[in-house]
């Protein structure tokens, strides 16, 4: 008797055929890819968005104000001529450092030398006349007075003797009259000798006149010497010659500018700082200055003047720096850049400035990664350096922040922080501030 067959035969054939199809590569590969994508999406959803984050650090931060300006000197002197003349010789040229009273230029001086010689001759004559009165006329006048007084005594004695004899009838009236006349003449001679002696003495008229003429001659010599000295142009102070405006042979007028001199003394730098930085500035702050012509040679300076007003048209405030020991290459009117140290903290919590949002408002904030999510955290800002900012409160060192450049990340998003990519080096010149 035949054995009955099971009816599952066709079903098995179908199952075997389906398994055979699953083993084909064209079906397996797409399934694996879909499975991998599902796993990736699930993991990404669980871990959050990958973002390049910033880590808050502790360290030193320096806040500076950078501005451009020019070197100035305390005084710029225009040196001119006080006499009409012709340039005979140039003694100093542009860029030369000169000392006070150093000769810069000479004018032709033949006329002035002749006038000086004439004045000196007049002085010699006046001194000779005064010496004659002191050593000759005065003593002679005194001797004449003494002689006249002696003659007066003789004349008086002769008159008395003659009168007695006249009264005794020994002499006639004519003899008495002659004796009286001789006495009068002797008295007149004494008065004349006395006047002559007085006038030749230090308080006398002749002596005073001779003394006055000598003083006038001395003054004339001084005037002639001054006019001769005017033909030599000298530096009024130590400094550097900025410009020379004449050449040998030029005829110069009174008051014509011959040289421009930057007077020596304290070198200063004048800056026009943006008024928004006015609150950061204070007297006594240090600065580093570098000339555009010498970018690798910075030199120190100090803030000593902040203008009380603001330039309304330019929106700037004038600031002056004192350079106590300027390098030899510093010149007046040089263009310079200055970095003023407005603040410094050796131990501050520092973050990259790009991590701070609404930094210019009264309520700045950051996105900090906490518990795998982006959390909004208000912060208080302190010093601001070059690309870095101090966080006074709200963030601790080591916390991870999401920069504002990650615009796709919002408050409350799940995130996975990764280190930021290295920044490309910036091509720039030498570090001017060291």
Protein backbone atom coordinates (compact mmCIF):
# COMPACT_ATOMS: atom_id res chain seq x y z
CA UNK A 1 0.00 0.00 0.00
CA UNK A 2 1.62 3.22 -0.96
CA UNK A 3 2.68 5.78 1.79
CA UNK A 4 0.80 9.08 1.62
CA UNK A 5 3.07 12.14 0.93
CA UNK A 6 2.99 15.42 3.02
CA UNK A 7 1.66 18.50 1.37
CA UNK A 8 4.36 20.83 2.62
CA UNK A 9 6.61 20.08 -0.29
CA UNK A 10 5.71 23.15 -2.34
CA UNK A 11 6.07 25.43 0.74
CA UNK A 12 9.57 24.18 1.36
CA UNK A 13 10.51 24.82 -2.15
CA UNK A 14 9.37 28.40 -1.77
CA UNK A 15 11.29 28.87 1.50
CA UNK A 16 14.42 27.45 0.00
CA UNK A 17 14.08 29.79 -2.93
CA UNK A 18 13.74 32.86 -0.67
CA UNK A 19 16.83 31.93 1.37
CA UNK A 20 18.72 31.51 -1.79
CA UNK A 21 17.77 35.07 -2.85
CA UNK A 22 18.90 36.51 0.54
CA UNK A 23 22.35 35.13 0.00
CA UNK A 24 22.78 37.11 -3.20
CA UNK A 25 25.22 40.23 -2.87
CA UNK A 26 22.82 42.56 -4.67
CA UNK A 27 20.40 42.19 -1.77
CA UNK A 28 22.77 41.86 1.23
CA UNK A 29 24.88 45.00 0.62
CA UNK A 30 21.98 47.49 0.56
CA UNK A 31 20.56 45.94 3.68
CA UNK A 32 23.86 46.31 5.51
CA UNK A 33 24.15 49.96 4.43
CA UNK A 34 20.67 50.73 5.67
CA UNK A 35 21.45 49.02 8.95
CA UNK A 36 24.69 51.02 9.38
CA UNK A 37 22.90 54.28 8.60
CA UNK A 38 20.24 53.50 11.14
CA UNK A 39 22.87 52.74 13.78
CA UNK A 40 24.77 55.98 12.95
CA UNK A 41 21.66 58.13 13.08
CA UNK A 42 20.65 56.54 16.34
CA UNK A 43 24.08 57.14 17.89
CA UNK A 44 24.18 60.72 16.62
CA UNK A 45 20.78 61.41 18.03
CA UNK A 46 21.82 59.97 21.38
CA UNK A 47 25.27 61.74 21.57
CA UNK A 48 24.16 65.08 20.02
CA UNK A 49 25.62 67.37 17.35
CA UNK A 50 29.37 67.42 16.93
CA UNK A 51 30.61 70.97 17.48
CA UNK A 52 34.08 72.51 17.61
CA UNK A 53 34.17 73.92 21.15
CA UNK A 54 36.31 76.38 23.11
CA UNK A 55 37.75 75.69 26.54
CA UNK A 56 37.93 78.42 29.19
CA UNK A 57 41.46 78.80 30.51
CA UNK A 58 43.21 80.55 33.36
CA UNK A 59 46.17 82.77 32.60
CA UNK A 60 47.47 86.31 32.11
CA UNK A 61 45.48 88.76 30.02
CA UNK A 62 46.51 92.21 28.86
CA UNK A 63 44.10 94.76 27.47
CA UNK A 64 45.58 97.32 25.10
CA UNK A 65 44.53 100.32 23.04
CA UNK A 66 46.25 100.59 19.66
CA UNK A 67 46.44 103.86 17.74
CA UNK A 68 48.60 105.65 15.21
CA UNK A 69 50.17 109.07 15.48
CA UNK A 70 53.29 111.13 14.99
CA UNK A 71 56.44 112.07 16.85
CA UNK A 72 56.52 115.70 17.92
CA UNK A 73 59.12 117.92 19.54
CA UNK A 74 58.34 120.35 22.37
CA UNK A 75 59.18 123.28 20.10
CA UNK A 76 59.88 123.94 16.45
CA UNK A 77 62.02 127.05 16.07
CA UNK A 78 62.29 129.21 12.96
CA UNK A 79 65.73 130.84 12.89
CA UNK A 80 66.05 134.08 10.92
CA UNK A 81 68.40 136.99 10.34
CA UNK A 82 68.12 140.31 12.19
CA UNK A 83 70.25 142.23 9.67
CA UNK A 84 70.37 142.64 5.93
CA UNK A 85 73.24 140.70 4.46
CA UNK A 86 74.65 138.20 1.99
CA UNK A 87 75.17 134.57 2.92
CA UNK A 88 78.91 133.93 2.97
CA UNK A 89 79.18 130.41 4.40
CA UNK A 90 76.90 127.53 5.40
CA UNK A 91 78.04 125.77 8.57
CA UNK A 92 75.18 123.27 9.21
CA UNK A 93 72.84 121.22 7.02
CA UNK A 94 69.54 119.34 7.23
CA UNK A 95 69.35 116.41 9.64
CA UNK A 96 72.38 117.53 11.61
CA UNK A 97 72.22 117.56 15.41
CA UNK A 98 73.47 120.88 16.75
CA UNK A 99 74.29 122.29 20.16
CA UNK A 100 73.20 125.59 21.67
CA UNK A 101 75.24 128.53 20.26
CA UNK A 102 76.71 126.37 17.49
CA UNK A 103 77.32 128.41 14.32
CA UNK A 104 74.84 127.60 11.54
CA UNK A 105 75.55 130.30 8.97
CA UNK A 106 77.78 133.35 8.36
CA UNK A 107 76.92 136.57 6.51
CA UNK A 108 79.39 138.91 4.82
CA UNK A 109 80.71 141.19 7.60
CA UNK A 110 83.23 143.66 6.12
CA UNK A 111 81.03 146.71 6.83
CA UNK A 112 80.30 145.62 10.39
CA UNK A 113 84.00 145.03 11.10
CA UNK A 114 84.88 148.53 9.85
CA UNK A 115 82.16 150.08 12.02
CA UNK A 116 83.50 148.20 15.02
CA UNK A 117 87.04 149.43 14.38
CA UNK A 118 85.79 153.05 14.15
CA UNK A 119 83.85 152.72 17.40
CA UNK A 120 86.87 151.21 19.15
CA UNK A 121 89.02 154.18 17.99
CA UNK A 122 86.48 156.65 19.41
CA UNK A 123 86.53 154.76 22.66
CA UNK A 124 90.31 154.94 22.81
CA UNK A 125 90.16 158.70 22.28
CA UNK A 126 87.55 159.14 25.04
CA UNK A 127 89.59 157.05 27.45
CA UNK A 128 92.71 159.07 26.64
CA UNK A 129 90.88 162.35 27.35
CA UNK A 130 89.61 161.01 30.67
CA UNK A 131 93.08 159.80 31.59
CA UNK A 132 94.50 163.23 30.71
CA UNK A 133 92.10 164.90 33.12
CA UNK A 134 92.78 162.37 35.85
CA UNK A 135 96.58 162.35 35.55
CA UNK A 136 97.45 165.80 34.16
CA UNK A 137 94.78 168.47 34.12
CA UNK A 138 93.50 167.67 37.58
CA UNK A 139 96.87 167.74 39.36
CA UNK A 140 97.97 170.86 37.44
CA UNK A 141 94.76 172.64 38.41
CA UNK A 142 95.34 171.75 42.05
CA UNK A 143 98.90 173.13 41.89
CA UNK A 144 97.64 176.30 40.21
CA UNK A 145 95.13 176.74 42.98
CA UNK A 146 97.82 176.40 45.61
CA UNK A 147 100.03 178.90 43.74
CA UNK A 148 97.15 181.35 43.47
CA UNK A 149 96.38 181.03 47.16
CA UNK A 150 100.07 181.72 47.96
CA UNK A 151 100.04 184.78 45.70
CA UNK A 152 96.87 185.96 47.43
CA UNK A 153 98.58 185.80 50.80
CA UNK A 154 101.52 187.82 49.48
CA UNK A 155 99.23 190.36 47.88
CA UNK A 156 97.23 190.70 51.08
CA UNK A 157 100.39 191.22 53.17
CA UNK A 158 101.70 193.75 50.68
CA UNK A 159 98.43 195.62 50.79
CA UNK A 160 98.48 195.77 54.57
CA UNK A 161 102.09 197.01 54.60
CA UNK A 162 101.41 199.62 51.93
CA UNK A 163 98.35 200.89 53.75
CA UNK A 164 100.30 201.35 56.96
CA UNK A 165 102.99 203.28 55.17
CA UNK A 166 100.35 205.27 53.31
CA UNK A 167 98.80 206.21 56.60
CA UNK A 168 102.29 207.31 57.82
CA UNK A 169 102.56 209.43 54.67
CA UNK A 170 105.42 207.37 53.25
CA UNK A 171 103.45 206.11 50.15
CA UNK A 172 101.26 208.01 47.83
CA UNK A 173 97.65 207.23 46.97
CA UNK A 174 98.72 205.71 43.67
CA UNK A 175 100.93 203.19 45.49
CA UNK A 176 98.06 202.23 47.74
CA UNK A 177 95.72 201.84 44.78
CA UNK A 178 98.21 199.61 43.01
CA UNK A 179 98.54 197.36 46.07
CA UNK A 180 94.75 197.18 46.37
CA UNK A 181 94.49 196.25 42.70
CA UNK A 182 97.11 193.51 43.06
CA UNK A 183 95.17 192.13 45.99
CA UNK A 184 91.95 192.01 43.94
CA UNK A 185 93.76 190.29 41.08
CA UNK A 186 95.19 187.71 43.45
CA UNK A 187 91.73 187.00 44.81
CA UNK A 188 90.34 186.58 41.28
CA UNK A 189 93.20 184.26 40.40
CA UNK A 190 92.40 182.10 43.41
CA UNK A 191 88.72 181.90 42.43
CA UNK A 192 89.67 180.93 38.87
CA UNK A 193 92.20 178.32 40.02
CA UNK A 194 89.69 176.93 42.50
CA UNK A 195 87.02 176.60 39.76
CA UNK A 196 89.53 174.91 37.45
CA UNK A 197 90.58 172.49 40.15
CA UNK A 198 86.99 171.63 41.00
CA UNK A 199 85.95 170.97 37.40
CA UNK A 200 88.79 168.50 36.86
CA UNK A 201 87.98 166.50 39.98
CA UNK A 202 85.72 163.34 39.86
CA UNK A 203 82.67 165.45 40.69
CA UNK A 204 83.61 168.28 38.36
CA UNK A 205 82.03 169.17 35.03
CA UNK A 206 85.08 168.47 32.84
CA UNK A 207 85.61 165.12 34.46
CA UNK A 208 81.91 164.23 34.12
CA UNK A 209 81.90 165.26 30.47
CA UNK A 210 84.97 163.15 29.71
CA UNK A 211 83.44 160.22 31.58
CA UNK A 212 80.17 160.54 29.65
CA UNK A 213 82.01 160.61 26.33
CA UNK A 214 83.88 157.47 27.32
CA UNK A 215 80.62 155.67 28.21
CA UNK A 216 79.09 156.77 24.91
CA UNK A 217 82.10 155.40 23.07
CA UNK A 218 81.79 152.13 24.96
CA UNK A 219 78.11 151.87 23.98
CA UNK A 220 79.01 152.55 20.37
CA UNK A 221 81.53 149.72 20.50
CA UNK A 222 78.90 147.36 21.93
CA UNK A 223 76.45 148.33 19.18
CA UNK A 224 79.07 147.76 16.50
CA UNK A 225 80.07 144.45 18.07
CA UNK A 226 76.42 143.34 18.25
CA UNK A 227 75.90 144.19 14.58
CA UNK A 228 78.98 142.18 13.75
CA UNK A 229 77.69 139.31 15.87
CA UNK A 230 74.36 139.43 14.00
CA UNK A 231 76.22 138.32 10.89
CA UNK A 232 76.80 134.96 12.59
CA UNK A 233 73.62 132.88 12.92
CA UNK A 234 73.72 130.44 15.85
CA UNK A 235 71.45 127.70 17.16
CA UNK A 236 69.25 129.00 20.01
CA UNK A 237 69.06 125.53 21.60
CA UNK A 238 70.12 121.94 21.20
CA UNK A 239 68.16 120.18 18.47
CA UNK A 240 67.97 118.79 14.95
CA UNK A 241 67.91 120.91 11.80
CA UNK A 242 64.75 120.13 9.87
CA UNK A 243 65.11 122.53 6.93
CA UNK A 244 67.67 124.92 5.45
CA UNK A 245 66.15 127.61 3.26
CA UNK A 246 69.19 129.53 1.92
CA UNK A 247 72.32 128.95 -0.14
CA UNK A 248 75.68 130.76 -0.23
CA UNK A 249 75.34 134.07 -2.08
CA UNK A 250 71.68 134.60 -1.20
CA UNK A 251 70.74 138.07 0.03
CA UNK A 252 68.65 137.79 3.18
CA UNK A 253 66.30 140.37 4.63
CA UNK A 254 65.60 141.08 8.26
CA UNK A 255 63.28 138.41 9.63
CA UNK A 256 63.79 135.99 6.75
CA UNK A 257 63.67 132.37 7.94
CA UNK A 258 66.97 130.63 7.31
CA UNK A 259 66.56 127.37 9.25
CA UNK A 260 63.85 125.32 10.94
CA UNK A 261 65.07 123.62 14.09
CA UNK A 262 63.39 120.94 16.18
CA UNK A 263 64.47 122.06 19.61
CA UNK A 264 65.90 119.38 21.81
CA UNK A 265 64.26 118.21 24.99
CA UNK A 266 61.56 115.71 25.76
CA UNK A 267 60.38 113.73 22.74
CA UNK A 268 56.64 113.16 22.58
CA UNK A 269 54.17 111.10 20.56
CA UNK A 270 50.72 112.53 19.82
CA UNK A 271 47.88 110.09 19.09
CA UNK A 272 44.25 110.51 18.06
CA UNK A 273 42.51 107.67 19.90
CA UNK A 274 38.95 106.61 19.11
CA UNK A 275 36.67 108.10 21.74
CA UNK A 276 35.14 104.69 22.49
CA UNK A 277 38.45 103.79 24.17
CA UNK A 278 38.52 106.92 26.35
CA UNK A 279 37.30 105.04 29.41
CA UNK A 280 40.27 102.66 29.19
CA UNK A 281 42.93 105.36 29.29
CA UNK A 282 44.63 106.85 32.33
CA UNK A 283 47.69 108.98 33.04
CA UNK A 284 50.83 107.00 33.74
CA UNK A 285 49.92 103.98 31.59
CA UNK A 286 52.84 102.40 29.75
CA UNK A 287 52.98 101.91 26.00
CA UNK A 288 55.11 100.43 23.27
CA UNK A 289 55.77 102.61 20.23
CA UNK A 290 57.11 101.53 16.86
CA UNK A 291 57.97 103.72 13.88
CA UNK A 292 56.63 102.67 10.50
CA UNK A 293 60.14 103.03 9.11
CA UNK A 294 61.65 100.75 11.80
CA UNK A 295 59.04 98.03 12.50
CA UNK A 296 61.47 95.80 14.37
CA UNK A 297 62.63 98.43 16.88
CA UNK A 298 59.93 99.25 19.44
CA UNK A 299 60.63 101.67 22.27
CA UNK A 300 58.77 102.42 25.53
CA UNK A 301 56.65 105.48 26.31
CA UNK A 302 54.23 106.72 28.96
CA UNK A 303 50.85 108.47 28.83
CA UNK A 304 51.17 111.96 30.35
CA UNK A 305 48.34 113.91 28.68
CA UNK A 306 44.73 113.13 27.77
CA UNK A 307 42.81 115.98 26.14
CA UNK A 308 39.86 117.24 28.20
CA UNK A 309 37.65 117.40 25.10
CA UNK A 310 36.76 115.20 22.14
CA UNK A 311 37.14 116.15 18.49
CA UNK A 312 33.49 116.09 17.43
CA UNK A 313 34.24 115.89 13.71
CA UNK A 314 36.57 112.90 13.92
CA UNK A 315 35.30 111.29 17.09
CA UNK A 316 38.78 111.08 18.59
CA UNK A 317 40.56 112.29 21.70
CA UNK A 318 44.15 113.56 21.67
CA UNK A 319 46.58 111.56 23.79
CA UNK A 320 50.28 112.37 24.28
CA UNK A 321 53.02 109.96 25.25
CA UNK A 322 56.34 110.88 26.83
CA UNK A 323 59.43 109.16 25.39
CA UNK A 324 62.13 109.48 28.04
CA UNK A 325 64.95 107.82 26.09
CA UNK A 326 64.20 107.99 22.34
CA UNK A 327 66.32 105.86 20.00
CA UNK A 328 68.70 107.72 17.67
CA UNK A 329 66.53 107.02 14.62
CA UNK A 330 63.50 108.89 15.99
CA UNK A 331 62.74 112.02 13.96
CA UNK A 332 60.17 114.75 14.35
CA UNK A 333 56.87 114.10 12.48
CA UNK A 334 57.62 110.37 12.03
CA UNK A 335 54.54 108.16 11.67
CA UNK A 336 54.31 105.67 14.52
CA UNK A 337 51.96 103.08 16.00
CA UNK A 338 51.46 102.81 19.74
CA UNK A 339 49.98 100.09 21.93
CA UNK A 340 48.90 101.43 25.31
CA UNK A 341 48.56 98.90 28.12
CA UNK A 342 45.12 99.75 29.56
CA UNK A 343 44.93 96.79 31.95
CA UNK A 344 46.67 93.58 32.98
CA UNK A 345 45.62 90.58 35.08
CA UNK A 346 48.07 87.76 35.80
CA UNK A 347 45.39 85.25 36.85
CA UNK A 348 42.18 85.64 34.85
CA UNK A 349 39.59 83.26 33.37
CA UNK A 350 40.04 83.72 29.63
CA UNK A 351 37.99 82.62 26.61
CA UNK A 352 38.17 83.38 22.93
CA UNK A 353 36.10 86.46 22.20
CA UNK A 354 34.06 84.59 19.57
CA UNK A 355 32.50 82.49 22.35
CA UNK A 356 30.74 85.54 23.85
CA UNK A 357 27.36 86.51 22.46
CA UNK A 358 25.89 90.00 22.63
CA UNK A 359 29.20 91.19 24.07
CA UNK A 360 28.33 94.84 23.48
CA UNK A 361 25.07 94.63 25.46
CA UNK A 362 24.53 94.87 29.19
CA UNK A 363 23.72 91.15 29.40
CA UNK A 364 26.36 89.14 27.50
CA UNK A 365 26.02 85.35 27.59
CA UNK A 366 27.62 82.14 26.32
CA UNK A 367 26.54 78.63 25.40
CA UNK A 368 28.29 76.22 27.76
CA UNK A 369 28.24 72.44 27.40
CA UNK A 370 26.80 70.90 30.56
CA UNK A 371 25.43 67.37 30.77
CA UNK A 372 25.83 66.93 27.03
CA UNK A 373 23.55 69.88 26.24
CA UNK A 374 24.07 73.51 25.25
CA UNK A 375 23.11 75.70 28.21
CA UNK A 376 22.73 79.47 28.09
CA UNK A 377 24.88 81.09 30.77
CA UNK A 378 24.98 84.86 31.51
CA UNK A 379 28.51 86.14 32.13
CA UNK A 380 30.26 89.27 33.33
CA UNK A 381 33.03 90.54 31.06
CA UNK A 382 36.29 92.06 32.32
CA UNK A 383 39.40 92.92 30.34
CA UNK A 384 39.39 92.52 26.59
CA UNK A 385 42.60 91.60 24.83
CA UNK A 386 43.49 90.80 21.25
CA UNK A 387 40.91 88.13 20.39
CA UNK A 388 40.55 87.05 24.03
CA UNK A 389 38.27 88.25 26.82
CA UNK A 390 38.22 87.87 30.60
CA UNK A 391 35.17 86.28 32.20
CA UNK A 392 34.74 87.74 35.66
CA UNK A 393 31.82 85.50 36.65
CA UNK A 394 29.60 82.79 35.17
CA UNK A 395 32.26 80.45 33.79
CA UNK A 396 34.98 78.42 35.50
CA UNK A 397 38.31 77.35 34.01
CA UNK A 398 38.02 74.11 32.03
CA UNK A 399 34.39 74.57 30.99
CA UNK A 400 33.57 74.02 27.33
CA UNK A 401 31.90 76.79 25.32
CA UNK A 402 30.26 76.77 21.92
CA UNK A 403 31.43 79.66 19.72
CA UNK A 404 28.93 81.93 18.06
CA UNK A 405 30.12 80.68 14.69
CA UNK A 406 28.24 77.42 15.38
CA UNK A 407 24.94 78.95 14.35
CA UNK A 408 23.18 75.58 14.03
CA UNK A 409 23.45 74.92 17.77
CA UNK A 410 20.80 76.44 19.97
CA UNK A 411 20.00 76.53 23.64
CA UNK A 412 19.02 73.08 24.94
CA UNK A 413 20.45 71.11 21.99
CA UNK A 414 22.30 67.88 22.74
CA UNK A 415 25.89 68.37 21.60
CA UNK A 416 29.12 66.45 21.38
CA UNK A 417 32.06 68.86 21.83
CA UNK A 418 35.25 68.24 19.90
CA UNK A 419 38.45 70.32 19.83
CA UNK A 420 38.36 73.14 17.28
CA UNK A 421 40.42 72.73 14.11
CA UNK A 422 43.85 74.34 14.22
CA UNK A 423 43.85 77.88 12.97
CA UNK A 424 45.73 78.62 9.79
CA UNK A 425 48.84 80.68 10.40
CA UNK A 426 48.40 84.34 9.51
CA UNK A 427 51.03 85.81 7.28
CA UNK A 428 52.21 89.01 8.93
CA UNK A 429 55.28 91.05 9.55
CA UNK A 430 57.48 90.86 12.64
CA UNK A 431 55.82 91.18 16.01
CA UNK A 432 56.20 94.88 16.56
CA UNK A 433 55.39 94.80 20.25
CA UNK A 434 57.53 91.81 21.24
